[in-house]
């Protein structure tokens, strides 16, 4: 399982650990990933995703999973999230009845 957020595409970054004597050693900065269950209002079901804490705040700020996915760029989303986005946009486009 890759260390990548399924909603924002945020992944591991590389940098240096710098000692007191200024010796630089390679290290990885990993994203704060959480396994969460989010509710899709349009689909009427829950969805399990692995997202970063930052993405979770953004989902809440934008008004839920559906609103977040509809505004998100396709290039940032994982395959699972992209499928969800397509399903949600189909449900929203279909006439209520």
Protein backbone atom coordinates (compact mmCIF):
# COMPACT_ATOMS: atom_id res chain seq x y z
CA UNK A 1 0.00 0.00 0.00
CA UNK A 2 1.56 3.28 -1.05
CA UNK A 3 1.83 6.19 1.33
CA UNK A 4 -0.33 8.48 -0.76
CA UNK A 5 -3.57 10.31 0.06
CA UNK A 6 -6.46 9.05 -2.09
CA UNK A 7 -8.09 12.49 -2.32
CA UNK A 8 -5.26 15.02 -2.63
CA UNK A 9 -2.45 12.83 -3.97
CA UNK A 10 -0.16 14.02 -1.20
CA UNK A 11 2.79 11.61 -0.83
CA UNK A 12 6.12 11.22 0.91
CA UNK A 13 8.71 13.97 0.50
CA UNK A 14 12.50 13.71 0.82
CA UNK A 15 14.69 16.04 2.81
CA UNK A 16 17.60 16.18 5.23
CA UNK A 17 17.88 15.47 8.91
CA UNK A 18 20.37 18.09 10.11
CA UNK A 19 22.44 17.30 13.20
CA UNK A 20 23.81 19.81 15.67
CA UNK A 21 27.16 19.65 13.82
CA UNK A 22 25.30 20.42 10.55
CA UNK A 23 25.75 16.92 9.06
CA UNK A 24 22.95 16.27 6.60
CA UNK A 25 21.43 12.78 6.35
CA UNK A 26 18.62 11.81 3.95
CA UNK A 27 15.19 11.25 5.50
CA UNK A 28 11.56 10.95 4.40
CA UNK A 29 8.68 13.16 5.49
CA UNK A 30 5.58 10.94 5.45
CA UNK A 31 2.04 12.35 5.17
CA UNK A 32 -0.30 11.95 8.14
CA UNK A 33 -2.55 9.26 6.63
CA UNK A 34 -5.73 8.05 8.31
CA UNK A 35 -8.16 5.26 7.43
CA UNK A 36 -11.56 6.96 7.50
CA UNK A 37 -15.14 6.17 6.58
CA UNK A 38 -16.83 9.08 4.81
CA UNK A 39 -20.51 9.41 3.92
CA UNK A 40 -21.60 10.19 0.38
CA UNK A 41 -24.95 11.99 0.43
CA UNK A 42 -25.63 11.50 -3.28
CA UNK A 43 -24.94 7.75 -3.23
CA UNK A 44 -26.48 7.23 0.21
CA UNK A 45 -23.66 5.01 1.47
CA UNK A 46 -20.36 5.08 3.30
CA UNK A 47 -16.94 4.87 1.64
CA UNK A 48 -13.64 3.76 3.21
CA UNK A 49 -10.66 5.84 2.10
CA UNK A 50 -7.05 6.42 3.18
CA UNK A 51 -6.68 10.20 3.37
CA UNK A 52 -4.35 12.72 4.96
CA UNK A 53 -5.45 14.76 7.96
CA UNK A 54 -5.15 17.86 5.77
CA UNK A 55 -7.57 16.38 3.20
CA UNK A 56 -10.02 15.50 5.96
CA UNK A 57 -10.10 19.14 7.06
CA UNK A 58 -10.61 20.24 3.45
CA UNK A 59 -13.49 17.77 2.92
CA UNK A 60 -15.18 19.18 6.02
CA UNK A 61 -14.54 22.77 4.90
CA UNK A 62 -15.99 22.22 1.40
CA UNK A 63 -19.18 20.67 2.75
CA UNK A 64 -18.68 16.92 2.54
CA UNK A 65 -17.22 14.23 0.32
CA UNK A 66 -19.51 14.89 -2.66
CA UNK A 67 -18.68 18.59 -2.85
CA UNK A 68 -14.96 17.87 -2.45
CA UNK A 69 -14.87 15.25 -5.23
CA UNK A 70 -16.87 17.36 -7.68
CA UNK A 71 -14.40 20.26 -7.28
CA UNK A 72 -11.23 18.10 -7.24
CA UNK A 73 -8.93 17.63 -10.25
CA UNK A 74 -8.97 14.14 -11.76
CA UNK A 75 -5.16 14.00 -11.84
CA UNK A 76 -4.94 14.23 -8.02
CA UNK A 77 -7.51 11.52 -7.26
CA UNK A 78 -6.81 7.81 -6.89
CA UNK A 79 -8.64 5.26 -9.07
CA UNK A 80 -11.09 4.52 -6.26
CA UNK A 81 -11.85 8.21 -5.70
CA UNK A 82 -12.17 8.80 -9.45
CA UNK A 83 -14.79 6.03 -9.71
CA UNK A 84 -16.66 7.62 -6.81
CA UNK A 85 -16.55 11.02 -8.50
CA UNK A 86 -18.05 9.57 -11.69
CA UNK A 87 -20.83 7.80 -9.76
CA UNK A 88 -21.68 10.97 -7.83
CA UNK A 89 -21.77 13.16 -10.96
CA UNK A 90 -24.06 10.59 -12.66
CA UNK A 91 -26.44 10.63 -9.68
CA UNK A 92 -26.48 14.44 -9.61
CA UNK A 93 -27.10 14.65 -13.37
CA UNK A 94 -29.93 12.09 -13.35
CA UNK A 95 -33.40 13.62 -12.91
CA UNK A 96 -34.90 13.10 -9.46
CA UNK A 97 -37.86 10.84 -9.53
